[in-house]
């Protein structure tokens, strides 16, 4: 049984890696070539994360559309 890249994708891990890349680049300590490589990796991670978020949103929308007559509303969560 072989996993597809989507099945092996770990959103939290990708987001943590993306945050680490941003922090390293913001410090300005990387040489130009490494900065470009890290930027490219960051763009790839950001796109993967966005696709994962889009897929999750579609799944939530599909579940909400199925409904069973229950009054289901999105959570109102406040962020710090």
PDB file of N, CA and C in Angstrom:
ATOM      1  N   UNK A   1       0.849  -1.183   0.000  1.00  0.00           N
ATOM      2  CA  UNK A   1       0.000   0.000   0.000  1.00  0.00           C
ATOM      3  C   UNK A   1       0.887   1.236   0.000  1.00  0.00           C
ATOM      4  N   UNK A   2       0.836   2.023  -1.073  1.00  0.00           N
ATOM      5  CA  UNK A   2       1.671   3.215  -1.168  1.00  0.00           C
ATOM      6  C   UNK A   2       0.838   4.464  -0.918  1.00  0.00           C
ATOM      7  N   UNK A   3       1.388   5.345  -0.124  1.00  0.00           N
ATOM      8  CA  UNK A   3       0.699   6.596   0.193  1.00  0.00           C
ATOM      9  C   UNK A   3       0.963   7.612  -0.904  1.00  0.00           C
ATOM     10  N   UNK A   4      -0.049   8.418  -1.208  1.00  0.00           N
ATOM     11  CA  UNK A   4       0.158   9.530  -2.111  1.00  0.00           C
ATOM     12  C   UNK A   4       0.736  10.680  -1.304  1.00  0.00           C
ATOM     13  N   UNK A   5       1.354  11.676  -1.941  1.00  0.00           N
ATOM     14  CA  UNK A   5       1.887  12.813  -1.188  1.00  0.00           C
ATOM     15  C   UNK A   5       0.840  13.495  -0.326  1.00  0.00           C
ATOM     16  N   UNK A   6      -0.412  13.550  -0.812  1.00  0.00           N
ATOM     17  CA  UNK A   6      -1.461  14.193  -0.041  1.00  0.00           C
ATOM     18  C   UNK A   6      -1.755  13.435   1.243  1.00  0.00           C
ATOM     19  N   UNK A   7      -1.684  12.081   1.189  1.00  0.00           N
ATOM     20  CA  UNK A   7      -1.967  11.284   2.379  1.00  0.00           C
ATOM     21  C   UNK A   7      -0.856  11.411   3.409  1.00  0.00           C
ATOM     22  N   UNK A   8       0.359  11.660   2.960  1.00  0.00           N
ATOM     23  CA  UNK A   8       1.489  11.774   3.872  1.00  0.00           C
ATOM     24  C   UNK A   8       1.687  13.201   4.367  1.00  0.00           C
ATOM     25  N   UNK A   9       0.987  14.160   3.818  1.00  0.00           N
ATOM     26  CA  UNK A   9       1.167  15.563   4.175  1.00  0.00           C
ATOM     27  C   UNK A   9       0.719  15.807   5.607  1.00  0.00           C
ATOM     28  N   UNK A  10       1.567  16.454   6.383  1.00  0.00           N
ATOM     29  CA  UNK A  10       1.262  16.790   7.776  1.00  0.00           C
ATOM     30  C   UNK A  10       1.188  18.318   7.864  1.00  0.00           C
ATOM     31  N   UNK A  11      -0.039  18.843   7.960  1.00  0.00           N
ATOM     32  CA  UNK A  11      -0.252  20.285   7.941  1.00  0.00           C
ATOM     33  C   UNK A  11       0.529  20.991   9.046  1.00  0.00           C
ATOM     34  N   UNK A  12       0.432  20.485  10.263  1.00  0.00           N
ATOM     35  CA  UNK A  12       1.093  21.141  11.394  1.00  0.00           C
ATOM     36  C   UNK A  12       2.611  21.158  11.218  1.00  0.00           C
ATOM     37  N   UNK A  13       3.159  20.060  10.718  1.00  0.00           N
ATOM     38  CA  UNK A  13       4.601  19.991  10.489  1.00  0.00           C
ATOM     39  C   UNK A  13       5.013  20.977   9.392  1.00  0.00           C
ATOM     40  N   UNK A  14       4.232  21.040   8.315  1.00  0.00           N
ATOM     41  CA  UNK A  14       4.536  21.958   7.225  1.00  0.00           C
ATOM     42  C   UNK A  14       4.453  23.407   7.693  1.00  0.00           C
ATOM     43  N   UNK A  15       3.453  23.718   8.497  1.00  0.00           N
ATOM     44  CA  UNK A  15       3.296  25.076   9.008  1.00  0.00           C
ATOM     45  C   UNK A  15       4.464  25.451   9.926  1.00  0.00           C
ATOM     46  N   UNK A  16       4.880  24.510  10.767  1.00  0.00           N
ATOM     47  CA  UNK A  16       6.028  24.763  11.655  1.00  0.00           C
ATOM     48  C   UNK A  16       7.298  24.998  10.850  1.00  0.00           C
ATOM     49  N   UNK A  17       7.488  24.205   9.796  1.00  0.00           N
ATOM     50  CA  UNK A  17       8.671  24.394   8.941  1.00  0.00           C
ATOM     51  C   UNK A  17       8.606  25.750   8.249  1.00  0.00           C
ATOM     52  N   UNK A  18       7.441  26.126   7.773  1.00  0.00           N
ATOM     53  CA  UNK A  18       7.271  27.420   7.114  1.00  0.00           C
ATOM     54  C   UNK A  18       7.579  28.564   8.077  1.00  0.00           C
ATOM     55  N   UNK A  19       7.098  28.458   9.301  1.00  0.00           N
ATOM     56  CA  UNK A  19       7.379  29.489  10.303  1.00  0.00           C
ATOM     57  C   UNK A  19       8.879  29.582  10.595  1.00  0.00           C
ATOM     58  N   UNK A  20       9.554  28.437  10.658  1.00  0.00           N
ATOM     59  CA  UNK A  20      11.002  28.427  10.904  1.00  0.00           C
ATOM     60  C   UNK A  20      11.751  29.082   9.746  1.00  0.00           C
ATOM     61  N   UNK A  21      11.319  28.826   8.533  1.00  0.00           N
ATOM     62  CA  UNK A  21      11.944  29.438   7.358  1.00  0.00           C
ATOM     63  C   UNK A  21      11.793  30.953   7.425  1.00  0.00           C
ATOM     64  N   UNK A  22      10.588  31.415   7.730  1.00  0.00           N
ATOM     65  CA  UNK A  22      10.335  32.852   7.816  1.00  0.00           C
ATOM     66  C   UNK A  22      11.232  33.491   8.874  1.00  0.00           C
ATOM     67  N   UNK A  23      11.337  32.851  10.023  1.00  0.00           N
ATOM     68  CA  UNK A  23      12.178  33.401  11.092  1.00  0.00           C
ATOM     69  C   UNK A  23      13.641  33.495  10.660  1.00  0.00           C
ATOM     70  N   UNK A  24      14.148  32.433  10.024  1.00  0.00           N
ATOM     71  CA  UNK A  24      15.550  32.459   9.578  1.00  0.00           C
ATOM     72  C   UNK A  24      15.766  33.542   8.538  1.00  0.00           C
ATOM     73  N   UNK A  25      14.829  33.694   7.632  1.00  0.00           N
ATOM     74  CA  UNK A  25      14.984  34.706   6.584  1.00  0.00           C
ATOM     75  C   UNK A  25      14.866  36.115   7.165  1.00  0.00           C
ATOM     76  N   UNK A  26      13.985  36.301   8.143  1.00  0.00           N
ATOM     77  CA  UNK A  26      13.832  37.622   8.759  1.00  0.00           C
ATOM     78  C   UNK A  26      15.099  38.051   9.497  1.00  0.00           C
ATOM     79  N   UNK A  27      15.836  37.090  10.036  1.00  0.00           N
ATOM     80  CA  UNK A  27      17.087  37.421  10.721  1.00  0.00           C
ATOM     81  C   UNK A  27      18.154  37.894   9.742  1.00  0.00           C
ATOM     82  N   UNK A  28      18.009  37.557   8.465  1.00  0.00           N
ATOM     83  CA  UNK A  28      18.941  38.014   7.444  1.00  0.00           C
ATOM     84  C   UNK A  28      20.324  37.389   7.539  1.00  0.00           C
ATOM     85  N   UNK A  29      20.417  36.218   8.126  1.00  0.00           N
ATOM     86  CA  UNK A  29      21.707  35.585   8.329  1.00  0.00           C
ATOM     87  C   UNK A  29      22.087  34.604   7.221  1.00  0.00           C
ATOM     88  N   UNK A  30      21.182  34.346   6.295  1.00  0.00           N
ATOM     89  CA  UNK A  30      21.432  33.354   5.260  1.00  0.00           C
ATOM     90  C   UNK A  30      22.106  33.994   4.052  1.00  0.00           C
ATOM     91  N   UNK A  31      23.053  33.279   3.432  1.00  0.00           N
ATOM     92  CA  UNK A  31      23.618  33.773   2.184  1.00  0.00           C
ATOM     93  C   UNK A  31      22.551  33.766   1.087  1.00  0.00           C
ATOM     94  N   UNK A  32      22.795  34.491   0.031  1.00  0.00           N
ATOM     95  CA  UNK A  32      21.811  34.675  -1.032  1.00  0.00           C
ATOM     96  C   UNK A  32      21.285  33.347  -1.577  1.00  0.00           C
ATOM     97  N   UNK A  33      22.165  32.433  -1.930  1.00  0.00           N
ATOM     98  CA  UNK A  33      21.723  31.155  -2.504  1.00  0.00           C
ATOM     99  C   UNK A  33      20.832  30.379  -1.536  1.00  0.00           C
ATOM    100  N   UNK A  34      21.207  30.360  -0.270  1.00  0.00           N
ATOM    101  CA  UNK A  34      20.399  29.664   0.733  1.00  0.00           C
ATOM    102  C   UNK A  34      19.065  30.381   0.927  1.00  0.00           C
ATOM    103  N   UNK A  35      19.074  31.710   0.896  1.00  0.00           N
ATOM    104  CA  UNK A  35      17.823  32.475   1.008  1.00  0.00           C
ATOM    105  C   UNK A  35      16.874  32.124  -0.137  1.00  0.00           C
ATOM    106  N   UNK A  36      17.410  32.031  -1.339  1.00  0.00           N
ATOM    107  CA  UNK A  36      16.573  31.684  -2.490  1.00  0.00           C
ATOM    108  C   UNK A  36      16.018  30.267  -2.363  1.00  0.00           C
ATOM    109  N   UNK A  37      16.853  29.338  -1.919  1.00  0.00           N
ATOM    110  CA  UNK A  37      16.395  27.959  -1.735  1.00  0.00           C
ATOM    111  C   UNK A  37      15.321  27.898  -0.655  1.00  0.00           C
ATOM    112  N   UNK A  38      15.513  28.616   0.444  1.00  0.00           N
ATOM    113  CA  UNK A  38      14.533  28.621   1.530  1.00  0.00           C
ATOM    114  C   UNK A  38      13.239  29.300   1.084  1.00  0.00           C
ATOM    115  N   UNK A  39      13.358  30.358   0.295  1.00  0.00           N
ATOM    116  CA  UNK A  39      12.167  31.034  -0.225  1.00  0.00           C
ATOM    117  C   UNK A  39      11.367  30.081  -1.097  1.00  0.00           C
ATOM    118  N   UNK A  40      12.059  29.349  -1.966  1.00  0.00           N
ATOM    119  CA  UNK A  40      11.388  28.387  -2.840  1.00  0.00           C
ATOM    120  C   UNK A  40      10.684  27.309  -2.014  1.00  0.00           C
ATOM    121  N   UNK A  41      11.347  26.809  -0.989  1.00  0.00           N
ATOM    122  CA  UNK A  41      10.745  25.806  -0.109  1.00  0.00           C
ATOM    123  C   UNK A  41       9.519  26.390   0.603  1.00  0.00           C
ATOM    124  N   UNK A  42       9.633  27.633   1.047  1.00  0.00           N
ATOM    125  CA  UNK A  42       8.524  28.294   1.716  1.00  0.00           C
ATOM    126  C   UNK A  42       7.310  28.453   0.822  1.00  0.00           C
ATOM    127  N   UNK A  43       7.540  28.815  -0.423  1.00  0.00           N
ATOM    128  CA  UNK A  43       6.426  28.950  -1.377  1.00  0.00           C
ATOM    129  C   UNK A  43       5.739  27.602  -1.573  1.00  0.00           C
ATOM    130  N   UNK A  44       6.542  26.547  -1.697  1.00  0.00           N
ATOM    131  CA  UNK A  44       5.987  25.200  -1.862  1.00  0.00           C
ATOM    132  C   UNK A  44       5.147  24.813  -0.639  1.00  0.00           C
ATOM    133  N   UNK A  45       5.681  25.043   0.548  1.00  0.00           N
ATOM    134  CA  UNK A  45       4.951  24.721   1.772  1.00  0.00           C
ATOM    135  C   UNK A  45       3.667  25.536   1.888  1.00  0.00           C
ATOM    136  N   UNK A  46       3.741  26.813   1.564  1.00  0.00           N
ATOM    137  CA  UNK A  46       2.555  27.674   1.647  1.00  0.00           C
ATOM    138  C   UNK A  46       1.466  27.176   0.703  1.00  0.00           C
ATOM    139  N   UNK A  47       1.855  26.744  -0.483  1.00  0.00           N
ATOM    140  CA  UNK A  47       0.870  26.228  -1.441  1.00  0.00           C
ATOM    141  C   UNK A  47       0.251  24.926  -0.939  1.00  0.00           C
ATOM    142  N   UNK A  48       1.082  24.042  -0.373  1.00  0.00           N
ATOM    143  CA  UNK A  48       0.554  22.790   0.172  1.00  0.00           C
ATOM    144  C   UNK A  48      -0.419  23.067   1.323  1.00  0.00           C
ATOM    145  N   UNK A  49      -0.055  23.981   2.188  1.00  0.00           N
ATOM    146  CA  UNK A  49      -0.934  24.332   3.310  1.00  0.00           C
ATOM    147  C   UNK A  49      -2.244  24.907   2.800  1.00  0.00           C
ATOM    148  N   UNK A  50      -2.176  25.765   1.802  1.00  0.00           N
ATOM    149  CA  UNK A  50      -3.396  26.358   1.263  1.00  0.00           C
ATOM    150  C   UNK A  50      -4.295  25.291   0.649  1.00  0.00           C
ATOM    151  N   UNK A  51      -3.692  24.341  -0.068  1.00  0.00           N
ATOM    152  CA  UNK A  51      -4.490  23.250  -0.642  1.00  0.00           C
ATOM    153  C   UNK A  51      -5.152  22.423   0.462  1.00  0.00           C
ATOM    154  N   UNK A  52      -4.417  22.166   1.537  1.00  0.00           N
ATOM    155  CA  UNK A  52      -4.973  21.399   2.656  1.00  0.00           C
ATOM    156  C   UNK A  52      -6.126  22.163   3.300  1.00  0.00           C
ATOM    157  N   UNK A  53      -5.965  23.462   3.477  1.00  0.00           N
ATOM    158  CA  UNK A  53      -7.037  24.279   4.055  1.00  0.00           C
ATOM    159  C   UNK A  53      -8.257  24.316   3.139  1.00  0.00           C
ATOM    160  N   UNK A  54      -8.021  24.433   1.836  1.00  0.00           N
ATOM    161  CA  UNK A  54      -9.126  24.439   0.878  1.00  0.00           C
ATOM    162  C   UNK A  54      -9.888  23.114   0.923  1.00  0.00           C
ATOM    163  N   UNK A  55      -9.140  21.996   0.998  1.00  0.00           N
ATOM    164  CA  UNK A  55      -9.776  20.678   1.051  1.00  0.00           C
ATOM    165  C   UNK A  55     -10.589  20.528   2.338  1.00  0.00           C
ATOM    166  N   UNK A  56     -10.043  21.002   3.447  1.00  0.00           N
ATOM    167  CA  UNK A  56     -10.759  20.924   4.720  1.00  0.00           C
ATOM    168  C   UNK A  56     -12.035  21.757   4.660  1.00  0.00           C
ATOM    169  N   UNK A  57     -11.952  22.932   4.062  1.00  0.00           N
ATOM    170  CA  UNK A  57     -13.127  23.795   3.937  1.00  0.00           C
ATOM    171  C   UNK A  57     -14.202  23.129   3.080  1.00  0.00           C
ATOM    172  N   UNK A  58     -13.776  22.499   1.987  1.00  0.00           N
ATOM    173  CA  UNK A  58     -14.739  21.801   1.130  1.00  0.00           C
ATOM    174  C   UNK A  58     -15.417  20.661   1.887  1.00  0.00           C
ATOM    175  N   UNK A  59     -14.638  19.955   2.685  1.00  0.00           N
ATOM    176  CA  UNK A  59     -15.209  18.843   3.456  1.00  0.00           C
ATOM    177  C   UNK A  59     -16.215  19.361   4.477  1.00  0.00           C
ATOM    178  N   UNK A  60     -15.878  20.448   5.153  1.00  0.00           N
ATOM    179  CA  UNK A  60     -16.802  21.045   6.127  1.00  0.00           C
ATOM    180  C   UNK A  60     -18.077  21.507   5.414  1.00  0.00           C
ATOM    181  N   UNK A  61     -17.904  22.170   4.273  1.00  0.00           N
ATOM    182  CA  UNK A  61     -19.073  22.635   3.519  1.00  0.00           C
ATOM    183  C   UNK A  61     -19.964  21.467   3.113  1.00  0.00           C
ATOM    184  N   UNK A  62     -19.342  20.356   2.675  1.00  0.00           N
ATOM    185  CA  UNK A  62     -20.121  19.191   2.263  1.00  0.00           C
ATOM    186  C   UNK A  62     -20.866  18.599   3.454  1.00  0.00           C
ATOM    187  N   UNK A  63     -20.203  18.525   4.592  1.00  0.00           N
ATOM    188  CA  UNK A  63     -20.855  17.993   5.791  1.00  0.00           C
ATOM    189  C   UNK A  63     -22.000  18.893   6.233  1.00  0.00           C
ATOM    190  N   UNK A  64     -21.782  20.193   6.164  1.00  0.00           N
ATOM    191  CA  UNK A  64     -22.834  21.136   6.561  1.00  0.00           C
ATOM    192  C   UNK A  64     -24.024  21.055   5.595  1.00  0.00           C
ATOM    193  N   UNK A  65     -23.751  20.824   4.322  1.00  0.00           N
ATOM    194  CA  UNK A  65     -24.814  20.761   3.327  1.00  0.00           C
ATOM    195  C   UNK A  65     -25.656  19.494   3.493  1.00  0.00           C
ATOM    196  N   UNK A  66     -25.038  18.411   3.974  1.00  0.00           N
ATOM    197  CA  UNK A  66     -25.778  17.166   4.171  1.00  0.00           C
ATOM    198  C   UNK A  66     -26.859  17.367   5.209  1.00  0.00           C
ATOM    199  N   UNK A  67     -26.482  17.957   6.319  1.00  0.00           N
ATOM    200  CA  UNK A  67     -27.427  18.253   7.390  1.00  0.00           C
ATOM    201  C   UNK A  67     -28.363  17.105   7.717  1.00  0.00           C
ATOM    202  N   UNK A  68     -28.861  17.122   8.912  1.00  0.00           N
ATOM    203  CA  UNK A  68     -29.845  16.119   9.321  1.00  0.00           C
ATOM    204  C   UNK A  68     -30.999  16.803  10.038  1.00  0.00           C
ATOM    205  N   UNK A  69     -31.140  18.084   9.736  1.00  0.00           N
ATOM    206  CA  UNK A  69     -32.203  18.850  10.370  1.00  0.00           C
ATOM    207  C   UNK A  69     -31.755  19.525  11.648  1.00  0.00           C
ATOM    208  N   UNK A  70     -30.565  19.189  12.119  1.00  0.00           N
ATOM    209  CA  UNK A  70     -30.054  19.811  13.344  1.00  0.00           C
ATOM    210  C   UNK A  70     -29.590  21.223  13.041  1.00  0.00           C
ATOM    211  N   UNK A  71     -29.698  22.072  14.022  1.00  0.00           N
ATOM    212  CA  UNK A  71     -29.236  23.452  13.885  1.00  0.00           C
ATOM    213  C   UNK A  71     -27.726  23.472  14.142  1.00  0.00           C
ATOM    214  N   UNK A  72     -26.942  23.429  13.062  1.00  0.00           N
ATOM    215  CA  UNK A  72     -25.485  23.397  13.175  1.00  0.00           C
ATOM    216  C   UNK A  72     -24.934  24.739  12.729  1.00  0.00           C
ATOM    217  N   UNK A  73     -24.148  25.348  13.616  1.00  0.00           N
ATOM    218  CA  UNK A  73     -23.543  26.636  13.305  1.00  0.00           C
ATOM    219  C   UNK A  73     -22.035  26.538  13.519  1.00  0.00           C
ATOM    220  N   UNK A  74     -21.252  27.334  12.761  1.00  0.00           N
ATOM    221  CA  UNK A  74     -19.809  27.327  12.982  1.00  0.00           C
ATOM    222  C   UNK A  74     -19.481  27.824  14.385  1.00  0.00           C
ATOM    223  N   UNK A  75     -18.370  27.334  14.920  1.00  0.00           N
ATOM    224  CA  UNK A  75     -17.906  27.804  16.221  1.00  0.00           C
ATOM    225  C   UNK A  75     -17.441  29.238  16.134  1.00  0.00           C
ATOM    226  N   UNK A  76     -17.680  29.995  17.180  1.00  0.00           N
ATOM    227  CA  UNK A  76     -17.193  31.369  17.262  1.00  0.00           C
ATOM    228  C   UNK A  76     -16.002  31.364  18.213  1.00  0.00           C
ATOM    229  N   UNK A  77     -14.820  31.160  17.643  1.00  0.00           N
ATOM    230  CA  UNK A  77     -13.608  31.040  18.448  1.00  0.00           C
ATOM    231  C   UNK A  77     -12.808  32.336  18.325  1.00  0.00           C
ATOM    232  N   UNK A  78     -12.492  32.910  19.453  1.00  0.00           N
ATOM    233  CA  UNK A  78     -11.663  34.123  19.450  1.00  0.00           C
ATOM    234  C   UNK A  78     -10.212  33.722  19.521  1.00  0.00           C
ATOM    235  N   UNK A  79      -9.380  34.393  18.715  1.00  0.00           N
ATOM    236  CA  UNK A  79      -7.945  34.129  18.711  1.00  0.00           C
ATOM    237  C   UNK A  79      -7.233  35.228  19.465  1.00  0.00           C
ATOM    238  N   UNK A  80      -6.111  34.864  20.096  1.00  0.00           N
ATOM    239  CA  UNK A  80      -5.304  35.859  20.833  1.00  0.00           C
ATOM    240  C   UNK A  80      -4.663  36.823  19.891  1.00  0.00           C
TER     241      UNK A  80
END
